[in-house]
Amino acid sequence: MKKSLMFKLAHIVARSIVAEVGDYQIAFSLALKDIWGTVKNTEKQFDEETVVAGLENILHDAQIKEGQAKKGYTFGVPNWVIMKSFDGAHGDLRASFIFNGTYEIKVVRETEKAEQINFVTKSGDIKVWCPKSVLAA
């Protein structure tokens, strides 16, 4: 089982219940325990590939509800652009903040061919330049 997939789902669930729980860490812990238990029970009945495919579909549907237009995009910005923007030290960490913790985006600057997008995350603001030609409509 891909644990990163379970963690992404847990973050989505945690963001939806944090207002009721009052603390994000507690909400995330509860969500992760629930998802882990569900996966373990489901793996007894189905093979791992079926479970992973089902979880990926659930994640995709949840991302669409949160503003991510289609697979491979985060709030309309291609994931490859985000990864390429953060080559080097701590790049994966910053990209992870964008993929898992973005709750709002803003266009900061705009040129004829590109936009500078500010991803607002719980860990702070992260800015990325993106060509207009690859942005999702």
N, C-alpha and C. Protein backbone atom coordinates (compact mmCIF):
# COMPACT_ATOMS: atom_id res chain seq x y z
N MET A 1 0.85 -1.18 0.00
CA MET A 1 0.00 0.00 0.00
C MET A 1 0.89 1.24 0.00
N LYS A 2 0.54 2.18 -0.82
CA LYS A 2 1.29 3.43 -0.89
C LYS A 2 0.88 4.32 0.27
N LYS A 3 1.80 4.53 1.19
CA LYS A 3 1.50 5.34 2.37
C LYS A 3 1.31 6.81 2.01
N SER A 4 2.01 7.28 0.98
CA SER A 4 1.85 8.68 0.60
C SER A 4 0.42 8.96 0.16
N LEU A 5 -0.20 8.00 -0.49
CA LEU A 5 -1.60 8.14 -0.90
C LEU A 5 -2.51 8.22 0.31
N MET A 6 -2.25 7.39 1.31
CA MET A 6 -3.06 7.43 2.53
C MET A 6 -2.88 8.76 3.26
N PHE A 7 -1.66 9.28 3.27
CA PHE A 7 -1.40 10.55 3.95
C PHE A 7 -2.11 11.70 3.22
N LYS A 8 -2.11 11.69 1.89
CA LYS A 8 -2.80 12.74 1.14
C LYS A 8 -4.29 12.72 1.47
N LEU A 9 -4.87 11.52 1.50
CA LEU A 9 -6.28 11.41 1.85
C LEU A 9 -6.52 11.87 3.28
N ALA A 10 -5.62 11.51 4.18
CA ALA A 10 -5.77 11.92 5.58
C ALA A 10 -5.74 13.44 5.72
N HIS A 11 -4.88 14.10 4.94
CA HIS A 11 -4.82 15.57 4.99
C HIS A 11 -6.13 16.18 4.50
N ILE A 12 -6.70 15.60 3.45
CA ILE A 12 -7.97 16.11 2.93
C ILE A 12 -9.07 15.95 3.97
N VAL A 13 -9.13 14.78 4.59
CA VAL A 13 -10.15 14.54 5.62
C VAL A 13 -9.92 15.47 6.81
N ALA A 14 -8.65 15.62 7.20
CA ALA A 14 -8.33 16.47 8.36
C ALA A 14 -8.76 17.91 8.11
N ARG A 15 -8.52 18.42 6.89
CA ARG A 15 -8.93 19.79 6.59
C ARG A 15 -10.44 19.96 6.67
N SER A 16 -11.17 18.88 6.36
CA SER A 16 -12.63 19.00 6.40
C SER A 16 -13.20 18.89 7.81
N ILE A 17 -12.45 18.29 8.76
CA ILE A 17 -12.99 18.12 10.12
C ILE A 17 -12.28 18.98 11.16
N VAL A 18 -11.28 19.75 10.77
CA VAL A 18 -10.49 20.50 11.75
C VAL A 18 -11.36 21.51 12.52
N ALA A 19 -12.37 22.07 11.89
CA ALA A 19 -13.24 23.02 12.58
C ALA A 19 -14.01 22.36 13.72
N GLU A 20 -14.41 21.11 13.52
CA GLU A 20 -15.15 20.39 14.56
C GLU A 20 -14.24 19.91 15.68
N VAL A 21 -13.01 19.52 15.31
CA VAL A 21 -12.07 18.97 16.30
C VAL A 21 -11.35 20.08 17.06
N GLY A 22 -10.97 21.15 16.35
CA GLY A 22 -10.31 22.27 17.00
C GLY A 22 -8.81 22.31 16.86
N ASP A 23 -8.18 21.20 16.50
CA ASP A 23 -6.73 21.14 16.36
C ASP A 23 -6.41 20.29 15.14
N TYR A 24 -5.55 20.82 14.25
CA TYR A 24 -5.25 20.11 13.01
C TYR A 24 -4.53 18.79 13.27
N GLN A 25 -3.61 18.75 14.22
CA GLN A 25 -2.87 17.52 14.50
C GLN A 25 -3.80 16.41 14.98
N ILE A 26 -4.75 16.75 15.81
CA ILE A 26 -5.72 15.76 16.28
C ILE A 26 -6.61 15.31 15.13
N ALA A 27 -7.05 16.25 14.31
CA ALA A 27 -7.90 15.92 13.16
C ALA A 27 -7.14 15.00 12.20
N PHE A 28 -5.86 15.31 11.96
CA PHE A 28 -5.06 14.47 11.07
C PHE A 28 -4.87 13.07 11.65
N SER A 29 -4.61 13.01 12.94
CA SER A 29 -4.44 11.71 13.61
C SER A 29 -5.69 10.86 13.49
N LEU A 30 -6.85 11.45 13.74
CA LEU A 30 -8.11 10.72 13.63
C LEU A 30 -8.35 10.26 12.19
N ALA A 31 -8.09 11.14 11.24
CA ALA A 31 -8.30 10.80 9.83
C ALA A 31 -7.37 9.66 9.40
N LEU A 32 -6.11 9.74 9.81
CA LEU A 32 -5.15 8.71 9.43
C LEU A 32 -5.52 7.36 10.04
N LYS A 33 -5.95 7.35 11.30
CA LYS A 33 -6.37 6.11 11.94
C LYS A 33 -7.56 5.49 11.21
N ASP A 34 -8.51 6.34 10.82
CA ASP A 34 -9.69 5.86 10.12
C ASP A 34 -9.32 5.28 8.75
N ILE A 35 -8.49 6.00 8.00
CA ILE A 35 -8.08 5.52 6.67
C ILE A 35 -7.26 4.25 6.79
N TRP A 36 -6.34 4.19 7.75
CA TRP A 36 -5.51 3.00 7.95
C TRP A 36 -6.38 1.79 8.24
N GLY A 37 -7.35 1.96 9.13
CA GLY A 37 -8.26 0.85 9.47
C GLY A 37 -9.08 0.40 8.28
N THR A 38 -9.55 1.35 7.50
CA THR A 38 -10.33 1.03 6.31
C THR A 38 -9.49 0.26 5.29
N VAL A 39 -8.26 0.72 5.09
CA VAL A 39 -7.38 0.05 4.13
C VAL A 39 -7.08 -1.38 4.58
N LYS A 40 -6.78 -1.56 5.84
CA LYS A 40 -6.46 -2.90 6.35
C LYS A 40 -7.64 -3.85 6.20
N ASN A 41 -8.85 -3.36 6.49
CA ASN A 41 -10.04 -4.21 6.33
C ASN A 41 -10.32 -4.50 4.87
N THR A 42 -10.09 -3.52 4.01
CA THR A 42 -10.37 -3.68 2.59
C THR A 42 -9.35 -4.60 1.93
N GLU A 43 -8.08 -4.53 2.38
CA GLU A 43 -7.04 -5.38 1.79
C GLU A 43 -7.31 -6.86 2.02
N LYS A 44 -8.07 -7.19 3.05
CA LYS A 44 -8.41 -8.59 3.29
C LYS A 44 -9.37 -9.11 2.23
N GLN A 45 -10.18 -8.22 1.66
CA GLN A 45 -11.19 -8.62 0.69
C GLN A 45 -10.74 -8.45 -0.75
N PHE A 46 -9.84 -7.48 -1.03
CA PHE A 46 -9.42 -7.17 -2.39
C PHE A 46 -7.91 -7.19 -2.48
N ASP A 47 -7.38 -7.32 -3.72
CA ASP A 47 -5.93 -7.25 -3.87
C ASP A 47 -5.46 -5.79 -3.76
N GLU A 48 -4.17 -5.61 -3.56
CA GLU A 48 -3.62 -4.28 -3.28
C GLU A 48 -3.83 -3.32 -4.44
N GLU A 49 -3.72 -3.79 -5.69
CA GLU A 49 -3.89 -2.91 -6.84
C GLU A 49 -5.30 -2.31 -6.89
N THR A 50 -6.29 -3.11 -6.55
CA THR A 50 -7.67 -2.64 -6.54
C THR A 50 -7.88 -1.58 -5.47
N VAL A 51 -7.29 -1.81 -4.29
CA VAL A 51 -7.40 -0.85 -3.19
C VAL A 51 -6.72 0.46 -3.56
N VAL A 52 -5.50 0.40 -4.14
CA VAL A 52 -4.77 1.60 -4.54
C VAL A 52 -5.55 2.38 -5.60
N ALA A 53 -6.09 1.67 -6.58
CA ALA A 53 -6.87 2.34 -7.63
C ALA A 53 -8.09 3.04 -7.04
N GLY A 54 -8.76 2.38 -6.10
CA GLY A 54 -9.92 2.99 -5.45
C GLY A 54 -9.54 4.23 -4.66
N LEU A 55 -8.44 4.15 -3.91
CA LEU A 55 -8.00 5.30 -3.12
C LEU A 55 -7.58 6.46 -4.03
N GLU A 56 -6.94 6.16 -5.16
CA GLU A 56 -6.54 7.22 -6.09
C GLU A 56 -7.78 7.91 -6.66
N ASN A 57 -8.83 7.14 -6.93
CA ASN A 57 -10.07 7.76 -7.43
C ASN A 57 -10.71 8.65 -6.36
N ILE A 58 -10.71 8.17 -5.11
CA ILE A 58 -11.25 8.98 -4.01
C ILE A 58 -10.45 10.26 -3.85
N LEU A 59 -9.11 10.14 -3.90
CA LEU A 59 -8.24 11.31 -3.78
C LEU A 59 -8.51 12.30 -4.91
N HIS A 60 -8.64 11.79 -6.12
CA HIS A 60 -8.88 12.66 -7.28
C HIS A 60 -10.21 13.41 -7.11
N ASP A 61 -11.26 12.71 -6.68
CA ASP A 61 -12.56 13.35 -6.48
C ASP A 61 -12.47 14.42 -5.39
N ALA A 62 -11.75 14.12 -4.32
CA ALA A 62 -11.60 15.10 -3.23
C ALA A 62 -10.80 16.31 -3.69
N GLN A 63 -9.78 16.09 -4.52
CA GLN A 63 -8.98 17.21 -5.01
C GLN A 63 -9.81 18.11 -5.91
N ILE A 64 -10.70 17.52 -6.70
CA ILE A 64 -11.57 18.33 -7.55
C ILE A 64 -12.45 19.22 -6.68
N LYS A 65 -13.00 18.66 -5.59
CA LYS A 65 -13.83 19.46 -4.69
C LYS A 65 -13.04 20.59 -4.05
N GLU A 66 -11.74 20.37 -3.81
CA GLU A 66 -10.91 21.39 -3.17
C GLU A 66 -10.30 22.38 -4.16
N GLY A 67 -10.60 22.22 -5.44
CA GLY A 67 -10.11 23.20 -6.41
C GLY A 67 -9.09 22.68 -7.37
N GLN A 68 -8.74 21.43 -7.31
CA GLN A 68 -7.77 20.88 -8.25
C GLN A 68 -8.54 20.34 -9.44
N ALA A 69 -8.33 20.95 -10.60
CA ALA A 69 -9.17 20.71 -11.76
C ALA A 69 -9.09 19.29 -12.31
N LYS A 70 -7.89 18.74 -12.47
CA LYS A 70 -7.77 17.40 -13.03
C LYS A 70 -6.49 16.74 -12.57
N LYS A 71 -6.37 15.45 -12.85
CA LYS A 71 -5.21 14.68 -12.42
C LYS A 71 -3.93 15.30 -12.99
N GLY A 72 -2.89 15.38 -12.17
CA GLY A 72 -1.64 15.94 -12.61
C GLY A 72 -1.55 17.45 -12.42
N TYR A 73 -2.60 18.04 -11.86
CA TYR A 73 -2.64 19.49 -11.65
C TYR A 73 -2.96 19.79 -10.18
N THR A 74 -2.42 20.88 -9.68
CA THR A 74 -2.75 21.37 -8.35
C THR A 74 -3.29 22.78 -8.51
N PHE A 75 -4.58 22.93 -8.29
CA PHE A 75 -5.26 24.20 -8.47
C PHE A 75 -5.00 24.79 -9.85
N GLY A 76 -4.99 23.92 -10.87
CA GLY A 76 -4.82 24.36 -12.24
C GLY A 76 -3.38 24.51 -12.71
N VAL A 77 -2.42 24.32 -11.82
CA VAL A 77 -1.00 24.41 -12.17
C VAL A 77 -0.46 22.98 -12.32
N PRO A 78 0.19 22.67 -13.45
CA PRO A 78 0.71 21.31 -13.62
C PRO A 78 1.72 20.95 -12.53
N ASN A 79 1.62 19.73 -12.04
CA ASN A 79 2.53 19.29 -10.98
C ASN A 79 3.99 19.32 -11.42
N TRP A 80 4.24 19.04 -12.70
CA TRP A 80 5.63 19.05 -13.16
C TRP A 80 6.25 20.45 -13.07
N VAL A 81 5.44 21.50 -13.25
CA VAL A 81 5.95 22.87 -13.13
C VAL A 81 6.35 23.15 -11.69
N ILE A 82 5.54 22.69 -10.77
CA ILE A 82 5.83 22.89 -9.35
C ILE A 82 7.12 22.15 -8.98
N MET A 83 7.24 20.90 -9.41
CA MET A 83 8.45 20.11 -9.09
C MET A 83 9.69 20.74 -9.71
N LYS A 84 9.57 21.20 -10.96
CA LYS A 84 10.72 21.81 -11.64
C LYS A 84 11.14 23.12 -10.97
N SER A 85 10.18 23.83 -10.40
CA SER A 85 10.48 25.10 -9.75
C SER A 85 11.32 24.92 -8.49
N PHE A 86 11.29 23.73 -7.93
CA PHE A 86 11.97 23.51 -6.65
C PHE A 86 13.09 22.49 -6.75
N ASP A 87 13.85 22.53 -7.82
CA ASP A 87 15.06 21.70 -7.90
C ASP A 87 16.05 22.22 -6.86
N GLY A 88 16.76 21.31 -6.23
CA GLY A 88 17.77 21.73 -5.27
C GLY A 88 17.35 21.45 -3.83
N ALA A 89 18.02 22.12 -2.91
CA ALA A 89 17.84 21.88 -1.48
C ALA A 89 16.41 22.19 -1.04
N HIS A 90 15.83 21.29 -0.30
CA HIS A 90 14.49 21.42 0.29
C HIS A 90 13.38 21.57 -0.76
N GLY A 91 13.67 21.26 -2.01
CA GLY A 91 12.67 21.39 -3.07
C GLY A 91 11.49 20.46 -2.88
N ASP A 92 11.76 19.21 -2.53
CA ASP A 92 10.67 18.25 -2.33
C ASP A 92 9.78 18.67 -1.18
N LEU A 93 10.36 19.25 -0.15
CA LEU A 93 9.59 19.68 1.01
C LEU A 93 8.63 20.81 0.64
N ARG A 94 9.13 21.80 -0.09
CA ARG A 94 8.27 22.91 -0.51
C ARG A 94 7.17 22.44 -1.46
N ALA A 95 7.53 21.56 -2.39
CA ALA A 95 6.52 21.01 -3.31
C ALA A 95 5.48 20.22 -2.53
N SER A 96 5.92 19.49 -1.51
CA SER A 96 4.99 18.72 -0.68
C SER A 96 4.02 19.65 0.05
N PHE A 97 4.51 20.79 0.53
CA PHE A 97 3.62 21.76 1.18
C PHE A 97 2.54 22.21 0.20
N ILE A 98 2.94 22.44 -1.06
CA ILE A 98 1.96 22.88 -2.06
C ILE A 98 0.96 21.77 -2.34
N PHE A 99 1.44 20.55 -2.55
CA PHE A 99 0.54 19.45 -2.92
C PHE A 99 -0.42 19.08 -1.78
N ASN A 100 0.04 19.16 -0.54
CA ASN A 100 -0.77 18.67 0.58
C ASN A 100 -1.40 19.76 1.43
N GLY A 101 -0.91 20.99 1.33
CA GLY A 101 -1.41 21.98 2.28
C GLY A 101 -1.97 23.25 1.69
N THR A 102 -2.12 23.32 0.36
CA THR A 102 -2.63 24.54 -0.25
C THR A 102 -4.12 24.66 -0.03
N TYR A 103 -4.54 25.81 0.45
CA TYR A 103 -5.98 26.03 0.60
C TYR A 103 -6.45 27.25 -0.20
N GLU A 104 -5.51 27.97 -0.81
CA GLU A 104 -5.88 29.13 -1.63
C GLU A 104 -4.72 29.48 -2.55
N ILE A 105 -5.03 29.99 -3.74
CA ILE A 105 -3.98 30.50 -4.62
C ILE A 105 -4.35 31.90 -5.07
N LYS A 106 -3.31 32.68 -5.37
CA LYS A 106 -3.50 34.05 -5.86
C LYS A 106 -2.48 34.30 -6.96
N VAL A 107 -2.88 35.03 -7.97
CA VAL A 107 -1.93 35.46 -9.00
C VAL A 107 -1.28 36.75 -8.50
N VAL A 108 0.04 36.72 -8.32
CA VAL A 108 0.77 37.85 -7.76
C VAL A 108 1.20 38.81 -8.86
N ARG A 109 1.82 38.24 -9.91
CA ARG A 109 2.29 39.05 -11.04
C ARG A 109 1.93 38.33 -12.32
N GLU A 110 1.85 39.11 -13.37
CA GLU A 110 1.49 38.53 -14.66
C GLU A 110 2.29 39.21 -15.75
N THR A 111 2.85 38.41 -16.66
CA THR A 111 3.49 38.94 -17.85
C THR A 111 2.70 38.44 -19.05
N GLU A 112 3.20 38.74 -20.23
CA GLU A 112 2.51 38.32 -21.44
C GLU A 112 2.42 36.80 -21.54
N LYS A 113 3.46 36.09 -21.05
CA LYS A 113 3.52 34.65 -21.24
C LYS A 113 3.49 33.82 -19.96
N ALA A 114 3.53 34.45 -18.80
CA ALA A 114 3.59 33.69 -17.55
C ALA A 114 2.86 34.40 -16.42
N GLU A 115 2.55 33.61 -15.39
CA GLU A 115 1.95 34.16 -14.17
C GLU A 115 2.76 33.69 -12.97
N GLN A 116 2.95 34.58 -12.00
CA GLN A 116 3.54 34.18 -10.73
C GLN A 116 2.38 33.89 -9.78
N ILE A 117 2.32 32.64 -9.34
CA ILE A 117 1.21 32.18 -8.52
C ILE A 117 1.69 31.99 -7.09
N ASN A 118 0.93 32.54 -6.15
CA ASN A 118 1.22 32.39 -4.73
C ASN A 118 0.32 31.31 -4.17
N PHE A 119 0.92 30.20 -3.73
CA PHE A 119 0.18 29.13 -3.07
C PHE A 119 0.15 29.43 -1.58
N VAL A 120 -1.04 29.63 -1.03
CA VAL A 120 -1.19 29.92 0.39
C VAL A 120 -1.37 28.58 1.11
N THR A 121 -0.39 28.23 1.94
CA THR A 121 -0.42 26.97 2.68
C THR A 121 -0.38 27.26 4.16
N LYS A 122 -0.66 26.25 4.97
CA LYS A 122 -0.59 26.44 6.42
C LYS A 122 0.85 26.65 6.88
N SER A 123 1.82 26.32 6.00
CA SER A 123 3.24 26.50 6.33
C SER A 123 3.79 27.81 5.80
N GLY A 124 2.94 28.63 5.18
CA GLY A 124 3.38 29.91 4.64
C GLY A 124 3.08 30.01 3.16
N ASP A 125 3.42 31.15 2.59
CA ASP A 125 3.17 31.39 1.17
C ASP A 125 4.36 30.90 0.35
N ILE A 126 4.06 30.27 -0.79
CA ILE A 126 5.10 29.77 -1.70
C ILE A 126 4.75 30.27 -3.09
N LYS A 127 5.70 30.95 -3.74
CA LYS A 127 5.46 31.53 -5.06
C LYS A 127 6.14 30.70 -6.15
N VAL A 128 5.41 30.54 -7.28
CA VAL A 128 5.91 29.76 -8.41
C VAL A 128 5.54 30.50 -9.70
N TRP A 129 6.50 30.60 -10.62
CA TRP A 129 6.21 31.12 -11.95
C TRP A 129 5.72 29.97 -12.82
N CYS A 130 4.67 30.23 -13.61
CA CYS A 130 4.12 29.19 -14.47
C CYS A 130 3.77 29.78 -15.83
N PRO A 131 4.18 29.12 -16.93
CA PRO A 131 3.78 29.59 -18.25
C PRO A 131 2.27 29.52 -18.42
N LYS A 132 1.69 30.51 -19.03
CA LYS A 132 0.25 30.53 -19.25
C LYS A 132 -0.20 29.40 -20.16
N SER A 133 0.67 28.96 -21.05
CA SER A 133 0.30 27.94 -22.03
C SER A 133 0.02 26.58 -21.41
N VAL A 134 0.49 26.33 -20.19
CA VAL A 134 0.27 25.01 -19.57
C VAL A 134 -0.75 25.04 -18.43
N LEU A 135 -1.26 26.21 -18.09
CA LEU A 135 -2.26 26.31 -17.03
C LEU A 135 -3.57 25.67 -17.47
N ALA A 136 -4.23 24.99 -16.54
CA ALA A 136 -5.54 24.40 -16.84
C ALA A 136 -6.57 25.52 -16.94
N ALA A 137 -7.47 25.35 -17.85
CA ALA A 137 -8.51 26.38 -18.04
C ALA A 137 -9.52 26.36 -16.93
